[in-house]
C-alpha cells in the first residue's frame, strides 16, 4: 500500500500543502490546469524559496495582478489606507482561507491579498454557489467531492461557532477566489499523488493572539479548534498562527489517521513553504511518499482507539456485570474483564474498555461513578481491522443478520448476530445453537453471491 506522511511541525495552510504536493512530484501543470478549469480569473506562481536552510516550493495565487500577503501586512495596508474594517472580505484566510459568516478570523503566513473594495461583493459566496462553481469545473468527480467536503467542513465549523446553519454561512474569505483555488487544487493534487492513505503527524498550532476584523483572538482560531477536534495538537511556543482553518479542513478531510512516522520504504519527499520566516523553525510542511512496510497494513484498515483500564479488587461481582452493560450502552466498542492477582495476594479483576478517543472522558467518569476504583489508566493504540459488512438471511423463524469480514475482497469470517439468534430462540422456543446453525447454513447457501 502506497502512503503519504504529512508532517506539520510548523503547522499547515493551503498554500503550504500545495507547495508540498508539487515538491513531492505532482506536476505543476496539474494545478495550473485546475485553476484554468475553475474559470475564476486566477493564476498560480510557483517558485523555490529557502526557509531556515530548507529549500521548498512556494505556491502563490494571483488575482487581478495582486498576490496574497501575510495577515500582518494586510492589516498594515488597511490602516495606511484607512479602509473600514467592516468592508474587508478576506481579512483572514492566511494564504489559506478561513470560512466565516462574518469577516474575520484566521491567518498566519499568507493571508489573502487586499483586493480593491470594488471587488468585495464578488467574494461573498454561500455554499450553494461554491458547490456550483466546483461542480462545473472540468476536474474528476472524486476531486469535486473532496473539494466540496473541505468547504463543508469549514462551513460546519463556522456555523457551529456562530449558531447558524451551514447553508447560511457566507464565505467571505474561504469563498474568495484565492481560497477556492487553494482548496480545489488541494483536492486535485491529493488525488494525483496516487496514494492509498494519507497519515498525519500531530499538528503544531502555534500560540499568541491574532488580529481579526472583530478584534483579537487566541491562537488557534475558534474555527481551527473546531476542525481539529480529535486530532493530536501541541504548541512549540512560536507566537504565531501556524494552523489555519483551511489547513485544518484539508487535514480533517484528507487524513485517514494520526501517527508518528510510519514504517515505510521512502520513495520521495517534498517541502511546501509558508510565507514567513520563524527563527529556529523551518516554516514548511513535509510530505513523504512511500510503500508501507507492513503487509498487514496493506490488507487492513487502521484506526486509533483509546484503551481504559482499572484494577478492581473490592467490587461486588453483580455490579461488575452492570458496569459492563452501562459502558457498552454509553458507546464503548468493547468491554471485558480478566482475573488478576493484586497486591497483598488479593484476587481482583482487570477491567478493560476499548472506545473512540472522543468517548474516553465520558466513559472514565462512568467507571469512577459505578466502580470502587481510585484510578483509571488511559492510552492510545492503533487497531488493524478487516473490512466488515452486514447481510440478512431468512430462516424459518425470521431474519438474522450475518456479520461478514473480508480482506482484499475475500470473505475471511462470518458469524450470525447473537442478539438476533437469541431473540428468535426465546420467541420460538428453539435451541439457540439450532438457530445459529440454520442462519449459517442459509448464508452458505448463498455462497455464489460472496
Protein backbone atom coordinates (compact mmCIF):
# COMPACT_ATOMS: atom_id res chain seq x y z
CA UNK A 1 0.00 0.00 0.00
CA UNK A 2 1.34 3.39 -1.01
CA UNK A 3 1.04 6.01 1.71
CA UNK A 4 1.86 9.69 2.24
CA UNK A 5 3.00 11.08 5.58
CA UNK A 6 2.21 14.73 6.28
CA UNK A 7 4.47 16.34 8.91
CA UNK A 8 3.02 19.50 10.40
CA UNK A 9 5.88 20.52 12.73
CA UNK A 10 5.31 24.10 11.58
CA UNK A 11 1.56 23.80 11.15
CA UNK A 12 -0.21 23.69 7.81
CA UNK A 13 -2.02 26.03 5.46
CA UNK A 14 -3.47 25.68 1.98
CA UNK A 15 -0.50 27.17 0.15
CA UNK A 16 1.96 25.07 2.15
CA UNK A 17 0.07 21.89 1.24
CA UNK A 18 0.07 22.81 -2.46
CA UNK A 19 3.80 23.51 -2.33
CA UNK A 20 4.45 20.12 -0.72
CA UNK A 21 2.37 18.38 -3.39
CA UNK A 22 4.39 19.95 -6.19
CA UNK A 23 7.68 19.35 -4.41
CA UNK A 24 6.73 15.68 -3.89
CA UNK A 25 6.13 15.12 -7.57
CA UNK A 26 2.66 16.34 -8.53
CA UNK A 27 3.24 18.13 -11.87
CA UNK A 28 2.78 21.88 -11.60
CA UNK A 29 0.70 21.78 -14.79
CA UNK A 30 -1.92 19.66 -12.99
CA UNK A 31 -2.55 22.50 -10.55
CA UNK A 32 -2.30 25.15 -13.25
CA UNK A 33 -4.86 23.31 -15.39
CA UNK A 34 -7.11 23.05 -12.35
CA UNK A 35 -7.02 26.83 -11.90
CA UNK A 36 -7.91 27.27 -15.57
CA UNK A 37 -10.76 24.77 -15.22
CA UNK A 38 -12.26 26.82 -12.39
CA UNK A 39 -12.53 29.84 -14.68
CA UNK A 40 -12.27 32.37 -11.87
CA UNK A 41 -9.59 34.63 -13.34
CA UNK A 42 -6.70 33.44 -11.18
CA UNK A 43 -3.22 32.11 -11.87
CA UNK A 44 -0.53 30.37 -9.85
CA UNK A 45 3.02 31.49 -9.22
CA UNK A 46 5.27 28.57 -8.25
CA UNK A 47 8.78 29.30 -7.04
CA UNK A 48 11.68 27.94 -4.98
CA UNK A 49 12.37 29.51 -1.61
CA UNK A 50 14.50 28.73 1.44
CA UNK A 51 13.05 28.54 4.95
CA UNK A 52 15.63 28.19 7.76
CA UNK A 53 18.01 26.42 5.41
CA UNK A 54 15.43 24.11 3.82
CA UNK A 55 14.71 24.51 0.12
CA UNK A 56 10.96 24.34 -0.50
CA UNK A 57 8.29 25.06 -3.09
CA UNK A 58 6.15 28.15 -2.62
CA UNK A 59 2.77 28.46 -4.32
CA UNK A 60 1.04 31.84 -4.54
CA UNK A 61 -2.31 32.76 -6.07
CA UNK A 62 -2.51 35.89 -8.22
CA UNK A 63 -5.83 37.61 -8.93
CA UNK A 64 -6.14 40.79 -10.97
CA UNK A 65 -2.40 41.36 -10.73
CA UNK A 66 -2.31 41.09 -6.95
CA UNK A 67 -0.79 38.41 -4.75
CA UNK A 68 -1.86 37.28 -1.30
CA UNK A 69 0.04 38.74 1.62
CA UNK A 70 0.56 37.82 5.28
CA UNK A 71 -2.14 38.94 7.69
CA UNK A 72 0.12 41.45 9.42
CA UNK A 73 0.95 43.15 6.11
CA UNK A 74 -2.71 43.14 5.16
CA UNK A 75 -3.77 44.93 8.33
CA UNK A 76 -0.92 47.39 7.97
CA UNK A 77 -2.14 48.06 4.43
CA UNK A 78 -5.68 48.60 5.74
CA UNK A 79 -4.53 51.07 8.38
CA UNK A 80 -2.34 53.01 5.96
CA UNK A 81 -5.24 53.45 3.57
CA UNK A 82 -7.81 53.92 6.35
CA UNK A 83 -10.06 51.24 4.94
CA UNK A 84 -13.07 50.45 7.11
CA UNK A 85 -12.69 47.07 8.75
CA UNK A 86 -16.24 46.06 8.05
CA UNK A 87 -15.56 46.14 4.31
CA UNK A 88 -12.78 43.59 4.40
CA UNK A 89 -13.83 40.47 2.50
CA UNK A 90 -10.91 38.23 3.40
CA UNK A 91 -9.14 39.60 6.42
CA UNK A 92 -8.25 36.10 7.39
CA UNK A 93 -7.51 33.30 5.03
CA UNK A 94 -3.83 33.15 5.55
CA UNK A 95 -2.98 32.08 2.11
CA UNK A 96 -5.44 29.67 3.06
CA UNK A 97 -8.81 30.52 3.95
CA UNK A 98 -11.00 30.65 6.85
CA UNK A 99 -14.71 30.41 6.29
CA UNK A 100 -16.83 32.80 8.23
CA UNK A 101 -20.34 34.04 8.31
CA UNK A 102 -18.72 37.37 9.16
CA UNK A 103 -15.33 38.63 8.12
CA UNK A 104 -12.57 37.88 10.39
CA UNK A 105 -10.85 35.06 11.97
CA UNK A 106 -7.73 33.30 10.89
CA UNK A 107 -4.46 33.50 9.19
CA UNK A 108 -0.83 33.18 9.56
CA UNK A 109 1.59 33.08 6.79
CA UNK A 110 -0.02 34.21 3.66
CA UNK A 111 -3.27 35.94 4.28
CA UNK A 112 -5.40 36.95 1.35
CA UNK A 113 -4.48 39.83 -0.80
CA UNK A 114 -6.16 43.16 -0.09
CA UNK A 115 -8.13 43.37 -3.32
CA UNK A 116 -9.95 46.60 -4.04
CA UNK A 117 -13.23 47.04 -2.24
CA UNK A 118 -14.99 47.33 -5.55
CA UNK A 119 -14.48 43.57 -5.88
CA UNK A 120 -15.60 42.68 -2.39
CA UNK A 121 -19.14 41.71 -3.39
CA UNK A 122 -17.64 39.07 -5.71
CA UNK A 123 -16.09 37.34 -2.71
CA UNK A 124 -19.23 36.80 -0.63
CA UNK A 125 -20.34 33.31 -1.58
CA UNK A 126 -22.65 30.82 0.01
CA UNK A 127 -22.00 27.11 -0.01
CA UNK A 128 -24.56 26.51 -2.77
CA UNK A 129 -22.73 28.89 -5.12
CA UNK A 130 -19.38 27.34 -4.28
CA UNK A 131 -20.73 23.86 -4.98
CA UNK A 132 -21.99 25.11 -8.32
CA UNK A 133 -18.63 26.57 -9.36
CA UNK A 134 -16.77 23.41 -8.39
CA UNK A 135 -19.41 21.18 -9.99
CA UNK A 136 -18.95 22.89 -13.37
CA UNK A 137 -15.16 22.64 -13.34
CA UNK A 138 -13.57 20.07 -15.64
CA UNK A 139 -11.91 18.03 -12.92
CA UNK A 140 -12.56 14.48 -11.72
CA UNK A 141 -15.68 13.64 -9.75
CA UNK A 142 -13.51 12.43 -6.88
CA UNK A 143 -11.70 15.78 -6.71
CA UNK A 144 -15.02 17.65 -6.84
CA UNK A 145 -16.39 15.66 -3.91
CA UNK A 146 -13.19 16.19 -1.93
CA UNK A 147 -13.11 19.95 -2.54
CA UNK A 148 -16.76 20.34 -1.60
CA UNK A 149 -16.16 18.26 1.54
CA UNK A 150 -13.38 20.65 2.58
CA UNK A 151 -15.68 23.64 2.14
CA UNK A 152 -18.47 21.87 4.00
CA UNK A 153 -16.10 21.15 6.88
CA UNK A 154 -15.20 24.83 7.06
CA UNK A 155 -18.83 25.85 6.84
CA UNK A 156 -19.89 23.42 9.56
CA UNK A 157 -17.23 24.78 11.89
CA UNK A 158 -18.28 28.36 11.29
CA UNK A 159 -21.96 27.51 11.58
CA UNK A 160 -21.42 25.92 14.97
CA UNK A 161 -19.38 28.86 16.25
CA UNK A 162 -21.95 31.41 15.12
CA UNK A 163 -25.07 29.34 15.97
CA UNK A 164 -26.40 29.28 12.42
CA UNK A 165 -26.86 26.72 9.64
CA UNK A 166 -24.09 25.82 7.22
CA UNK A 167 -26.19 26.94 4.25
CA UNK A 168 -26.46 30.43 5.76
CA UNK A 169 -22.72 30.83 6.18
CA UNK A 170 -21.20 33.23 3.67
CA UNK A 171 -17.58 32.53 2.83
CA UNK A 172 -16.09 36.00 2.76
CA UNK A 173 -12.53 34.68 2.79
CA UNK A 174 -12.79 30.99 2.09
CA UNK A 175 -15.25 31.66 -0.67
CA UNK A 176 -12.83 34.13 -2.23
CA UNK A 177 -11.12 33.17 -5.44
CA UNK A 178 -7.70 32.60 -3.91
CA UNK A 179 -9.10 30.28 -1.25
CA UNK A 180 -11.17 28.39 -3.79
CA UNK A 181 -8.03 27.84 -5.83
CA UNK A 182 -6.18 26.54 -2.76
CA UNK A 183 -8.92 24.10 -1.82
CA UNK A 184 -9.72 22.73 -5.27
CA UNK A 185 -6.03 22.39 -6.14
CA UNK A 186 -5.50 20.55 -2.85
CA UNK A 187 -8.24 18.07 -3.80
CA UNK A 188 -6.91 17.55 -7.32
CA UNK A 189 -3.29 17.32 -6.15
CA UNK A 190 -4.12 14.81 -3.40
CA UNK A 191 -5.76 12.58 -6.00
CA UNK A 192 -2.78 12.98 -8.33
CA UNK A 193 -0.45 11.72 -5.58
CA UNK A 194 -1.81 8.24 -6.20
CA UNK A 195 -1.60 7.12 -2.57
CA UNK A 196 -3.97 4.82 -0.72
CA UNK A 197 -3.77 6.69 2.56
CA UNK A 198 -2.57 9.99 3.99
CA UNK A 199 -1.24 9.81 7.54
CA UNK A 200 -0.58 12.95 9.57
CA UNK A 201 1.69 13.88 12.46
CA UNK A 202 0.48 15.84 15.49
CA UNK A 203 -0.02 19.48 14.49
CA UNK A 204 1.94 22.41 15.89
CA UNK A 205 -0.77 25.08 16.20
CA UNK A 206 1.43 27.96 17.40
CA UNK A 207 0.35 30.43 20.04
CA UNK A 208 -0.31 34.02 20.99
CA UNK A 209 -3.08 36.17 19.59
CA UNK A 210 -4.14 37.06 16.07
CA UNK A 211 -5.85 40.23 14.87
CA UNK A 212 -9.14 39.81 13.05
CA UNK A 213 -11.85 42.14 11.78
CA UNK A 214 -13.80 41.78 15.02
CA UNK A 215 -10.84 42.10 17.35
CA UNK A 216 -8.03 39.95 18.67
CA UNK A 217 -8.49 36.20 19.08
CA UNK A 218 -6.36 33.49 20.69
CA UNK A 219 -4.42 31.03 18.55
CA UNK A 220 -5.65 28.61 17.32
CA UNK A 221 -8.69 30.47 15.99
CA UNK A 222 -12.14 29.20 17.00
CA UNK A 223 -12.86 27.54 13.64
CA UNK A 224 -9.46 25.82 13.70
CA UNK A 225 -10.17 24.42 17.17
CA UNK A 226 -13.50 23.04 15.95
CA UNK A 227 -11.96 21.49 12.84
CA UNK A 228 -9.13 19.85 14.78
CA UNK A 229 -11.44 18.08 17.20
CA UNK A 230 -10.00 14.60 17.96
CA UNK A 231 -6.69 15.47 16.22
CA UNK A 232 -3.45 15.47 18.28
CA UNK A 233 -2.15 19.04 18.62
CA UNK A 234 0.53 20.92 20.55
CA UNK A 235 2.32 24.27 20.63
CA UNK A 236 6.07 24.65 20.31
CA UNK A 237 5.81 28.16 21.74
CA UNK A 238 6.02 30.11 18.48
CA UNK A 239 3.80 33.16 18.89
CA UNK A 240 2.04 32.95 15.55
CA UNK A 241 -0.90 31.17 13.97
CA UNK A 242 0.59 28.03 12.43
CA UNK A 243 -2.54 26.06 11.52
CA UNK A 244 -5.16 27.95 9.56
CA UNK A 245 -8.79 26.92 9.22
CA UNK A 246 -8.26 25.89 5.60
CA UNK A 247 -5.21 23.85 6.56
CA UNK A 248 -7.21 22.24 9.35
CA UNK A 249 -10.08 21.48 6.98
CA UNK A 250 -7.69 19.87 4.49
CA UNK A 251 -6.31 17.66 7.24
CA UNK A 252 -9.78 16.80 8.54
CA UNK A 253 -10.94 15.79 5.07
CA UNK A 254 -7.91 14.04 3.57
CA UNK A 255 -6.16 12.43 6.52
CA UNK A 256 -7.15 8.88 7.47
CA UNK A 257 -5.28 8.70 10.79
CA UNK A 258 -2.72 10.42 13.01
CA UNK A 259 0.51 8.68 14.00
CA UNK A 260 4.26 9.00 14.33
CA UNK A 261 6.41 8.46 11.26
CA UNK A 262 5.06 5.19 9.80
CA UNK A 263 7.11 2.16 8.87
CA UNK A 264 7.60 2.59 5.14
CA UNK A 265 10.02 2.38 2.23
CA UNK A 266 10.54 6.03 1.28
CA UNK A 267 10.24 6.89 -2.41
CA UNK A 268 10.36 10.69 -2.30
CA UNK A 269 9.53 13.69 -0.18
CA UNK A 270 8.58 17.31 -0.71
CA UNK A 271 8.51 20.56 1.26
CA UNK A 272 5.85 23.25 0.96
CA UNK A 273 6.73 26.72 2.23
CA UNK A 274 4.68 29.28 4.12
CA UNK A 275 5.23 32.99 3.60
CA UNK A 276 7.04 33.94 6.80
CA UNK A 277 10.34 33.09 8.47
CA UNK A 278 10.38 31.89 12.09
CA UNK A 279 13.68 31.91 13.99
CA UNK A 280 14.79 28.35 14.59
CA UNK A 281 11.71 26.78 12.96
CA UNK A 282 11.53 25.98 9.23
CA UNK A 283 8.17 27.35 8.09
CA UNK A 284 7.45 24.34 5.88
CA UNK A 285 5.28 21.26 5.81
CA UNK A 286 6.86 17.98 4.68
CA UNK A 287 5.14 15.30 2.61
CA UNK A 288 6.85 11.91 2.40
CA UNK A 289 5.68 9.25 -0.07
CA UNK A 290 6.45 5.56 0.14
CA UNK A 291 5.33 1.97 0.34
CA UNK A 292 4.02 0.72 3.67
CA UNK A 293 6.44 -1.88 5.01
CA UNK A 294 3.79 -3.92 6.79
CA UNK A 295 1.90 -6.46 4.72
CA UNK A 296 -0.78 -6.38 7.35
CA UNK A 297 -1.22 -2.65 6.91
CA UNK A 298 -1.70 -3.20 3.19
CA UNK A 299 -4.61 -5.56 3.78
CA UNK A 300 -6.41 -3.96 6.69
CA UNK A 301 -7.60 -0.58 7.81
CA UNK A 302 -6.17 1.25 10.81
CA UNK A 303 -7.89 3.28 13.49
CA UNK A 304 -6.72 4.87 16.70
CA UNK A 305 -8.57 3.75 19.81
CA UNK A 306 -8.37 4.68 23.46
CA UNK A 307 -7.85 1.89 25.99
CA UNK A 308 -9.10 2.46 29.54
CA UNK A 309 -8.04 0.12 32.33
CA UNK A 310 -8.78 -0.18 36.03
CA UNK A 311 -7.87 -2.81 38.65
CA UNK A 312 -10.83 -3.81 40.83
CA UNK A 313 -10.40 -5.90 43.99
CA UNK A 314 -13.34 -4.89 46.17
CA UNK A 315 -16.26 -4.61 43.75
CA UNK A 316 -19.38 -6.74 44.09
CA UNK A 317 -19.35 -9.18 41.10
CA UNK A 318 -23.00 -8.38 40.44
CA UNK A 319 -22.08 -4.71 40.00
CA UNK A 320 -19.30 -5.62 37.55
CA UNK A 321 -21.81 -7.07 35.08
CA UNK A 322 -23.95 -3.95 35.40
CA UNK A 323 -20.93 -1.71 34.75
CA UNK A 324 -20.07 -3.65 31.59
CA UNK A 325 -23.60 -3.17 30.26
CA UNK A 326 -23.58 0.56 31.09
CA UNK A 327 -20.23 1.11 29.36
CA UNK A 328 -21.48 -0.57 26.20
CA UNK A 329 -24.70 1.46 26.31
CA UNK A 330 -22.65 4.66 26.52
CA UNK A 331 -20.62 3.88 23.40
CA UNK A 332 -17.74 1.58 24.42
CA UNK A 333 -16.61 -0.57 21.49
CA UNK A 334 -15.69 -3.47 23.74
CA UNK A 335 -15.56 -4.21 27.46
CA UNK A 336 -14.01 -7.21 29.16
CA UNK A 337 -12.57 -8.36 32.44
CA UNK A 338 -9.66 -10.64 33.31
CA UNK A 339 -8.82 -12.20 36.68
CA UNK A 340 -5.61 -10.81 38.18
CA UNK A 341 -3.69 -11.33 41.41
CA UNK A 342 -3.19 -7.98 43.08
CA UNK A 343 -1.08 -6.69 45.95
CA UNK A 344 -1.40 -8.45 49.32
CA UNK A 345 -2.38 -11.53 47.27
CA UNK A 346 -5.91 -10.26 46.78
CA UNK A 347 -7.76 -11.68 43.73
CA UNK A 348 -9.15 -8.97 41.51
CA UNK A 349 -10.44 -8.14 38.05
CA UNK A 350 -8.75 -6.07 35.36
CA UNK A 351 -11.46 -4.01 33.65
CA UNK A 352 -10.52 -3.06 30.08
CA UNK A 353 -12.56 -0.74 27.87
CA UNK A 354 -11.95 -0.02 24.17
CA UNK A 355 -13.52 3.19 22.92
CA UNK A 356 -13.28 6.04 20.46
CA UNK A 357 -10.95 8.82 21.69
CA UNK A 358 -13.83 11.29 21.88
CA UNK A 359 -15.74 8.98 24.28
CA UNK A 360 -12.82 8.35 26.66
CA UNK A 361 -13.55 11.13 29.17
CA UNK A 362 -17.24 10.26 29.42
CA UNK A 363 -16.53 6.56 29.98
CA UNK A 364 -13.80 7.34 32.51
CA UNK A 365 -16.32 9.31 34.56
CA UNK A 366 -18.72 6.39 34.38
CA UNK A 367 -16.05 3.99 35.67
CA UNK A 368 -15.32 6.29 38.61
CA UNK A 369 -19.02 6.66 39.39
CA UNK A 370 -20.00 2.99 39.14
CA UNK A 371 -16.94 1.13 40.49
CA UNK A 372 -14.68 1.34 43.54
CA UNK A 373 -11.50 2.13 41.63
CA UNK A 374 -9.44 5.19 42.55
CA UNK A 375 -7.63 5.43 39.21
CA UNK A 376 -8.17 4.75 35.51
CA UNK A 377 -5.27 4.30 33.12
CA UNK A 378 -5.57 5.64 29.57
CA UNK A 379 -3.52 5.05 26.45
CA UNK A 380 -3.88 5.32 22.68
CA UNK A 381 -3.42 2.24 20.48
CA UNK A 382 -3.71 1.57 16.76
CA UNK A 383 -6.09 -1.24 15.80
CA UNK A 384 -5.95 -3.05 12.46
CA UNK A 385 -9.43 -4.01 11.28
CA UNK A 386 -10.82 -6.12 8.48
CA UNK A 387 -13.46 -4.66 6.22
CA UNK A 388 -16.87 -5.68 7.52
CA UNK A 389 -20.46 -5.53 6.41
CA UNK A 390 -23.88 -6.92 7.35
CA UNK A 391 -26.20 -9.12 5.32
CA UNK A 392 -29.60 -10.54 6.21
CA UNK A 393 -30.58 -14.17 5.76
CA UNK A 394 -34.06 -15.61 6.18
CA UNK A 395 -34.61 -18.61 8.41
CA UNK A 396 -37.88 -20.43 9.01
CA UNK A 397 -38.29 -18.37 12.20
CA UNK A 398 -37.36 -14.94 10.83
CA UNK A 399 -34.46 -12.82 9.58
CA UNK A 400 -30.99 -12.98 11.11
CA UNK A 401 -28.15 -10.56 10.44
CA UNK A 402 -24.80 -12.03 9.44
CA UNK A 403 -21.61 -10.09 10.17
CA UNK A 404 -19.12 -10.66 7.33
CA UNK A 405 -15.41 -9.82 7.48
CA UNK A 406 -13.23 -9.66 4.37
CA UNK A 407 -9.65 -8.96 3.36
CA UNK A 408 -8.79 -7.74 -0.14
CA UNK A 409 -12.35 -8.57 -1.21
CA UNK A 410 -12.22 -12.18 0.05
CA UNK A 411 -14.51 -13.26 2.88
CA UNK A 412 -12.39 -14.42 5.82
CA UNK A 413 -15.03 -14.83 8.51
CA UNK A 414 -18.75 -14.67 9.13
CA UNK A 415 -20.99 -15.05 12.15
CA UNK A 416 -24.73 -14.83 12.88
CA UNK A 417 -25.64 -11.89 15.10
CA UNK A 418 -26.06 -13.26 18.60
CA UNK A 419 -28.86 -10.93 19.68
CA UNK A 420 -30.99 -11.83 16.64
CA UNK A 421 -30.50 -15.54 17.27
CA UNK A 422 -31.17 -15.21 21.00
CA UNK A 423 -34.41 -13.33 20.37
CA UNK A 424 -35.64 -15.92 17.85
CA UNK A 425 -34.68 -18.80 20.13
CA UNK A 426 -36.65 -17.28 23.00
CA UNK A 427 -39.70 -16.38 20.91
CA UNK A 428 -39.98 -19.74 19.14
CA UNK A 429 -38.65 -21.98 21.93
CA UNK A 430 -35.89 -23.30 19.69
CA UNK A 431 -32.36 -24.11 20.94
CA UNK A 432 -30.04 -21.17 20.38
CA UNK A 433 -27.44 -23.35 18.70
CA UNK A 434 -30.07 -24.59 16.23
CA UNK A 435 -30.96 -21.04 15.21
CA UNK A 436 -27.28 -20.13 14.76
CA UNK A 437 -26.60 -23.23 12.70
CA UNK A 438 -29.60 -22.56 10.48
CA UNK A 439 -28.55 -18.93 9.91
CA UNK A 440 -25.04 -20.06 8.93
CA UNK A 441 -26.48 -22.68 6.58
CA UNK A 442 -28.67 -20.12 4.87
CA UNK A 443 -25.72 -17.79 4.42
CA UNK A 444 -23.55 -20.55 2.94
CA UNK A 445 -26.38 -21.44 0.62
CA UNK A 446 -25.91 -18.01 -0.96
CA UNK A 447 -22.22 -18.71 -1.44
CA UNK A 448 -22.13 -17.72 -5.10
CA UNK A 449 -23.06 -14.19 -4.08
CA UNK A 450 -20.00 -13.85 -1.87
